[in-house]
């Protein structure tokens, strides 16, 4: 199954949760790179988010989502690999994985296992 197909199998709440995690990880190095913003835009399109959902995700690029809203316990077990793949993509898209990004990603991977 394609990644886009897998993404579309997520419920509305799961799609927004994924994007909360993606935007939170994009902020791990305290800035949003143009490449990260572009990747988020592509993900918004793949997820087929409606206008209100798009506005919410774009707001998370202006200010990170609250830390408590990106609790690994919220990630459904059947979607953990998908979330990790999306997060690996966002932290590496600008070609520079900051130590804070790497550390946060490794910590999340441990917590999801």
N, C-alpha and C. Protein backbone atom coordinates (compact mmCIF):
# COMPACT_ATOMS: atom_id res chain seq x y z
N UNK A 1 0.84 -1.19 0.00
CA UNK A 1 0.00 0.00 0.00
C UNK A 1 0.89 1.25 0.00
N UNK A 2 0.47 2.26 -0.71
CA UNK A 2 1.26 3.49 -0.78
C UNK A 2 1.16 4.26 0.53
N UNK A 3 2.15 5.11 0.74
CA UNK A 3 2.15 5.94 1.96
C UNK A 3 0.92 6.84 1.99
N UNK A 4 0.56 7.40 0.81
CA UNK A 4 -0.61 8.27 0.75
C UNK A 4 -1.86 7.48 1.10
N UNK A 5 -1.96 6.25 0.62
CA UNK A 5 -3.10 5.41 0.95
C UNK A 5 -3.15 5.12 2.43
N UNK A 6 -2.01 4.84 3.03
CA UNK A 6 -1.94 4.59 4.47
C UNK A 6 -2.33 5.84 5.23
N UNK A 7 -1.86 6.99 4.79
CA UNK A 7 -2.20 8.25 5.46
C UNK A 7 -3.71 8.49 5.43
N UNK A 8 -4.34 8.17 4.31
CA UNK A 8 -5.78 8.40 4.19
C UNK A 8 -6.59 7.45 5.07
N UNK A 9 -5.98 6.35 5.53
CA UNK A 9 -6.70 5.43 6.42
C UNK A 9 -6.78 5.96 7.84
N UNK A 10 -6.02 6.98 8.14
CA UNK A 10 -6.08 7.58 9.46
C UNK A 10 -7.42 8.29 9.64
N UNK A 11 -7.95 8.24 10.85
CA UNK A 11 -9.16 9.01 11.15
C UNK A 11 -8.80 10.50 11.16
N UNK A 12 -9.81 11.35 11.19
CA UNK A 12 -9.57 12.79 11.24
C UNK A 12 -8.70 13.14 12.46
N UNK A 13 -9.06 12.59 13.63
CA UNK A 13 -8.29 12.88 14.84
C UNK A 13 -6.85 12.37 14.72
N UNK A 14 -6.67 11.20 14.11
CA UNK A 14 -5.32 10.65 13.94
C UNK A 14 -4.49 11.49 12.97
N UNK A 15 -5.14 12.02 11.94
CA UNK A 15 -4.43 12.89 10.99
C UNK A 15 -3.93 14.15 11.68
N UNK A 16 -4.79 14.75 12.50
CA UNK A 16 -4.38 15.96 13.22
C UNK A 16 -3.32 15.64 14.27
N UNK A 17 -3.43 14.48 14.89
CA UNK A 17 -2.40 14.06 15.85
C UNK A 17 -1.06 13.90 15.13
N UNK A 18 -1.07 13.27 13.98
CA UNK A 18 0.16 13.12 13.20
C UNK A 18 0.77 14.48 12.89
N UNK A 19 -0.05 15.41 12.45
CA UNK A 19 0.46 16.73 12.10
C UNK A 19 0.92 17.51 13.33
N UNK A 20 0.29 17.28 14.49
CA UNK A 20 0.78 17.90 15.73
C UNK A 20 2.19 17.40 16.03
N UNK A 21 2.40 16.08 15.88
CA UNK A 21 3.72 15.53 16.10
C UNK A 21 4.71 16.09 15.08
N UNK A 22 4.33 16.10 13.81
CA UNK A 22 5.23 16.59 12.76
C UNK A 22 5.63 18.03 13.04
N UNK A 23 4.66 18.89 13.33
CA UNK A 23 4.98 20.30 13.59
C UNK A 23 5.81 20.45 14.86
N UNK A 24 5.50 19.67 15.87
CA UNK A 24 6.29 19.72 17.10
C UNK A 24 7.75 19.35 16.83
N UNK A 25 7.96 18.31 16.03
CA UNK A 25 9.32 17.90 15.73
C UNK A 25 10.01 18.90 14.82
N UNK A 26 9.26 19.56 13.95
CA UNK A 26 9.85 20.60 13.11
C UNK A 26 10.40 21.72 13.98
N UNK A 27 9.78 21.96 15.13
CA UNK A 27 10.21 23.01 16.06
C UNK A 27 11.34 22.57 16.98
N UNK A 28 11.77 21.30 16.92
CA UNK A 28 12.78 20.79 17.86
C UNK A 28 14.06 21.61 17.87
N UNK A 29 14.42 22.19 16.73
CA UNK A 29 15.63 23.01 16.67
C UNK A 29 15.31 24.51 16.78
N UNK A 30 14.10 24.80 17.24
CA UNK A 30 13.64 26.17 17.52
C UNK A 30 13.43 27.04 16.28
N UNK A 31 13.33 26.41 15.10
CA UNK A 31 13.03 27.18 13.89
C UNK A 31 12.36 26.26 12.87
N UNK A 32 11.61 26.85 11.97
CA UNK A 32 10.98 26.11 10.89
C UNK A 32 11.71 26.47 9.60
N UNK A 33 12.40 25.50 9.03
CA UNK A 33 13.12 25.72 7.78
C UNK A 33 12.13 25.72 6.61
N UNK A 34 12.46 26.42 5.52
CA UNK A 34 11.57 26.41 4.35
C UNK A 34 11.26 24.98 3.87
N UNK A 35 12.24 24.10 3.94
CA UNK A 35 12.02 22.72 3.50
C UNK A 35 11.02 22.00 4.40
N UNK A 36 11.05 22.32 5.69
CA UNK A 36 10.09 21.73 6.63
C UNK A 36 8.69 22.24 6.33
N UNK A 37 8.59 23.53 6.09
CA UNK A 37 7.29 24.13 5.75
C UNK A 37 6.73 23.49 4.48
N UNK A 38 7.58 23.29 3.49
CA UNK A 38 7.14 22.68 2.23
C UNK A 38 6.68 21.24 2.44
N UNK A 39 7.40 20.50 3.26
CA UNK A 39 7.01 19.11 3.54
C UNK A 39 5.65 19.08 4.26
N UNK A 40 5.45 19.97 5.20
CA UNK A 40 4.16 20.03 5.89
C UNK A 40 3.05 20.33 4.89
N UNK A 41 3.29 21.24 3.97
CA UNK A 41 2.29 21.56 2.94
C UNK A 41 1.96 20.31 2.10
N UNK A 42 2.99 19.53 1.74
CA UNK A 42 2.75 18.31 0.97
C UNK A 42 1.96 17.29 1.79
N UNK A 43 2.25 17.21 3.07
CA UNK A 43 1.52 16.28 3.93
C UNK A 43 0.07 16.71 4.08
N UNK A 44 -0.17 17.99 4.20
CA UNK A 44 -1.54 18.52 4.28
C UNK A 44 -2.32 18.07 3.05
N UNK A 45 -1.70 18.18 1.88
CA UNK A 45 -2.37 17.77 0.64
C UNK A 45 -2.62 16.26 0.62
N UNK A 46 -1.61 15.47 1.00
CA UNK A 46 -1.78 14.01 1.01
C UNK A 46 -2.85 13.56 1.98
N UNK A 47 -2.95 14.26 3.11
CA UNK A 47 -3.94 13.91 4.12
C UNK A 47 -5.33 14.43 3.77
N UNK A 48 -5.40 15.26 2.74
CA UNK A 48 -6.66 15.86 2.30
C UNK A 48 -7.38 16.56 3.45
N UNK A 49 -6.62 17.38 4.17
CA UNK A 49 -7.20 18.12 5.29
C UNK A 49 -8.14 19.20 4.78
N UNK A 50 -9.20 19.44 5.53
CA UNK A 50 -10.13 20.49 5.14
C UNK A 50 -9.55 21.86 5.54
N UNK A 51 -10.27 22.91 5.22
CA UNK A 51 -9.75 24.27 5.43
C UNK A 51 -9.44 24.55 6.90
N UNK A 52 -10.33 24.15 7.80
CA UNK A 52 -10.11 24.40 9.23
C UNK A 52 -8.89 23.62 9.72
N UNK A 53 -8.75 22.38 9.27
CA UNK A 53 -7.60 21.56 9.67
C UNK A 53 -6.30 22.15 9.13
N UNK A 54 -6.32 22.62 7.89
CA UNK A 54 -5.14 23.26 7.30
C UNK A 54 -4.73 24.48 8.12
N UNK A 55 -5.71 25.30 8.48
CA UNK A 55 -5.41 26.49 9.29
C UNK A 55 -4.76 26.10 10.61
N UNK A 56 -5.28 25.05 11.24
CA UNK A 56 -4.72 24.60 12.51
C UNK A 56 -3.27 24.16 12.34
N UNK A 57 -3.01 23.35 11.31
CA UNK A 57 -1.65 22.86 11.08
C UNK A 57 -0.71 24.03 10.78
N UNK A 58 -1.14 24.95 9.96
CA UNK A 58 -0.30 26.11 9.65
C UNK A 58 -0.05 26.96 10.89
N UNK A 59 -1.02 27.02 11.80
CA UNK A 59 -0.81 27.74 13.06
C UNK A 59 0.29 27.07 13.88
N UNK A 60 0.38 25.74 13.81
CA UNK A 60 1.44 25.03 14.53
C UNK A 60 2.81 25.30 13.93
N UNK A 61 2.86 25.79 12.71
CA UNK A 61 4.15 26.20 12.13
C UNK A 61 4.54 27.60 12.60
N UNK A 62 3.56 28.36 13.07
CA UNK A 62 3.84 29.70 13.62
C UNK A 62 4.21 29.63 15.09
N UNK A 63 3.61 28.67 15.79
CA UNK A 63 3.89 28.45 17.21
C UNK A 63 3.70 26.96 17.47
N UNK A 64 4.64 26.32 18.12
CA UNK A 64 4.55 24.87 18.30
C UNK A 64 3.34 24.46 19.12
N UNK A 65 2.82 23.26 18.84
CA UNK A 65 1.71 22.77 19.66
C UNK A 65 2.18 22.54 21.09
N UNK A 66 1.26 22.58 22.05
CA UNK A 66 1.65 22.37 23.45
C UNK A 66 2.30 21.00 23.64
N UNK A 67 3.35 20.92 24.44
CA UNK A 67 4.06 19.64 24.62
C UNK A 67 3.16 18.48 25.04
N UNK A 68 2.18 18.77 25.89
CA UNK A 68 1.31 17.68 26.36
C UNK A 68 0.43 17.12 25.25
N UNK A 69 0.30 17.83 24.13
CA UNK A 69 -0.54 17.35 23.03
C UNK A 69 0.21 16.40 22.11
N UNK A 70 1.49 16.19 22.38
CA UNK A 70 2.29 15.25 21.58
C UNK A 70 2.82 14.12 22.45
N UNK A 71 1.93 13.58 23.24
CA UNK A 71 2.25 12.46 24.13
C UNK A 71 2.29 11.17 23.31
N UNK A 72 3.40 10.42 23.34
CA UNK A 72 3.48 9.17 22.57
C UNK A 72 2.37 8.17 22.90
N UNK A 73 1.81 8.26 24.09
CA UNK A 73 0.72 7.36 24.45
C UNK A 73 -0.52 7.58 23.59
N UNK A 74 -0.61 8.74 22.94
CA UNK A 74 -1.76 9.04 22.09
C UNK A 74 -1.67 8.37 20.72
N UNK A 75 -0.48 7.90 20.34
CA UNK A 75 -0.29 7.31 19.01
C UNK A 75 -0.83 5.88 19.00
N UNK A 76 -1.82 5.60 18.14
CA UNK A 76 -2.35 4.24 18.07
C UNK A 76 -1.25 3.25 17.69
N UNK A 77 -1.19 2.10 18.36
CA UNK A 77 -0.13 1.12 18.07
C UNK A 77 -0.01 0.76 16.58
N UNK A 78 -1.13 0.68 15.89
CA UNK A 78 -1.10 0.29 14.48
C UNK A 78 -0.53 1.38 13.58
N UNK A 79 -0.34 2.59 14.11
CA UNK A 79 0.18 3.69 13.29
C UNK A 79 1.55 4.17 13.74
N UNK A 80 2.16 3.48 14.68
CA UNK A 80 3.46 3.94 15.21
C UNK A 80 4.53 4.03 14.14
N UNK A 81 4.63 3.02 13.27
CA UNK A 81 5.65 3.05 12.22
C UNK A 81 5.41 4.22 11.27
N UNK A 82 4.17 4.49 10.95
CA UNK A 82 3.82 5.61 10.07
C UNK A 82 4.23 6.94 10.71
N UNK A 83 3.94 7.11 12.00
CA UNK A 83 4.31 8.34 12.70
C UNK A 83 5.83 8.50 12.72
N UNK A 84 6.55 7.42 13.04
CA UNK A 84 8.01 7.51 13.08
C UNK A 84 8.58 7.87 11.71
N UNK A 85 8.03 7.29 10.66
CA UNK A 85 8.51 7.61 9.31
C UNK A 85 8.28 9.10 9.01
N UNK A 86 7.10 9.60 9.34
CA UNK A 86 6.80 11.02 9.09
C UNK A 86 7.74 11.92 9.88
N UNK A 87 8.04 11.53 11.11
CA UNK A 87 8.92 12.35 11.95
C UNK A 87 10.36 12.28 11.47
N UNK A 88 10.80 11.12 11.01
CA UNK A 88 12.14 11.02 10.41
C UNK A 88 12.22 11.93 9.19
N UNK A 89 11.15 11.98 8.42
CA UNK A 89 11.13 12.83 7.22
C UNK A 89 11.24 14.30 7.58
N UNK A 90 10.49 14.75 8.59
CA UNK A 90 10.50 16.18 8.91
C UNK A 90 11.83 16.61 9.51
N UNK A 91 12.48 15.76 10.31
CA UNK A 91 13.74 16.20 10.91
C UNK A 91 14.90 16.14 9.92
N UNK A 92 14.75 15.38 8.84
CA UNK A 92 15.86 15.26 7.89
C UNK A 92 15.65 16.05 6.61
N UNK A 93 14.47 16.61 6.39
CA UNK A 93 14.16 17.25 5.11
C UNK A 93 15.05 18.45 4.80
N UNK A 94 15.55 19.15 5.81
CA UNK A 94 16.39 20.32 5.54
C UNK A 94 17.86 19.96 5.41
N UNK A 95 18.17 18.65 5.47
CA UNK A 95 19.55 18.20 5.29
C UNK A 95 20.42 18.37 6.51
N UNK A 96 19.85 18.82 7.61
CA UNK A 96 20.62 19.06 8.83
C UNK A 96 19.82 18.56 10.02
N UNK A 97 20.21 17.41 10.55
CA UNK A 97 19.52 16.88 11.72
C UNK A 97 20.24 17.40 12.96
N UNK A 98 19.60 18.35 13.64
CA UNK A 98 20.18 18.96 14.84
C UNK A 98 20.23 17.93 15.96
N UNK A 99 21.18 18.04 16.87
CA UNK A 99 21.25 17.11 17.99
C UNK A 99 19.93 17.01 18.76
N UNK A 100 19.25 18.13 18.94
CA UNK A 100 17.96 18.11 19.66
C UNK A 100 16.92 17.30 18.90
N UNK A 101 16.94 17.41 17.56
CA UNK A 101 16.00 16.64 16.75
C UNK A 101 16.30 15.14 16.85
N UNK A 102 17.56 14.79 16.72
CA UNK A 102 17.97 13.39 16.80
C UNK A 102 17.60 12.79 18.15
N UNK A 103 17.93 13.51 19.22
CA UNK A 103 17.66 13.04 20.57
C UNK A 103 16.16 12.83 20.79
N UNK A 104 15.38 13.79 20.35
CA UNK A 104 13.93 13.71 20.54
C UNK A 104 13.34 12.55 19.75
N UNK A 105 13.82 12.35 18.53
CA UNK A 105 13.33 11.26 17.69
C UNK A 105 13.69 9.90 18.30
N UNK A 106 14.92 9.76 18.78
CA UNK A 106 15.33 8.50 19.40
C UNK A 106 14.52 8.23 20.66
N UNK A 107 14.27 9.26 21.45
CA UNK A 107 13.47 9.10 22.67
C UNK A 107 12.06 8.66 22.32
N UNK A 108 11.46 9.27 21.32
CA UNK A 108 10.12 8.88 20.93
C UNK A 108 10.08 7.45 20.42
N UNK A 109 11.06 7.07 19.61
CA UNK A 109 11.12 5.71 19.09
C UNK A 109 11.17 4.70 20.23
N UNK A 110 11.96 5.00 21.25
CA UNK A 110 12.03 4.10 22.42
C UNK A 110 10.68 4.01 23.13
N UNK A 111 10.02 5.13 23.26
CA UNK A 111 8.74 5.15 23.98
C UNK A 111 7.63 4.46 23.21
N UNK A 112 7.74 4.43 21.88
CA UNK A 112 6.72 3.79 21.07
C UNK A 112 6.90 2.28 20.97
N UNK A 113 8.06 1.79 21.34
CA UNK A 113 8.31 0.34 21.25
C UNK A 113 7.81 -0.39 22.46
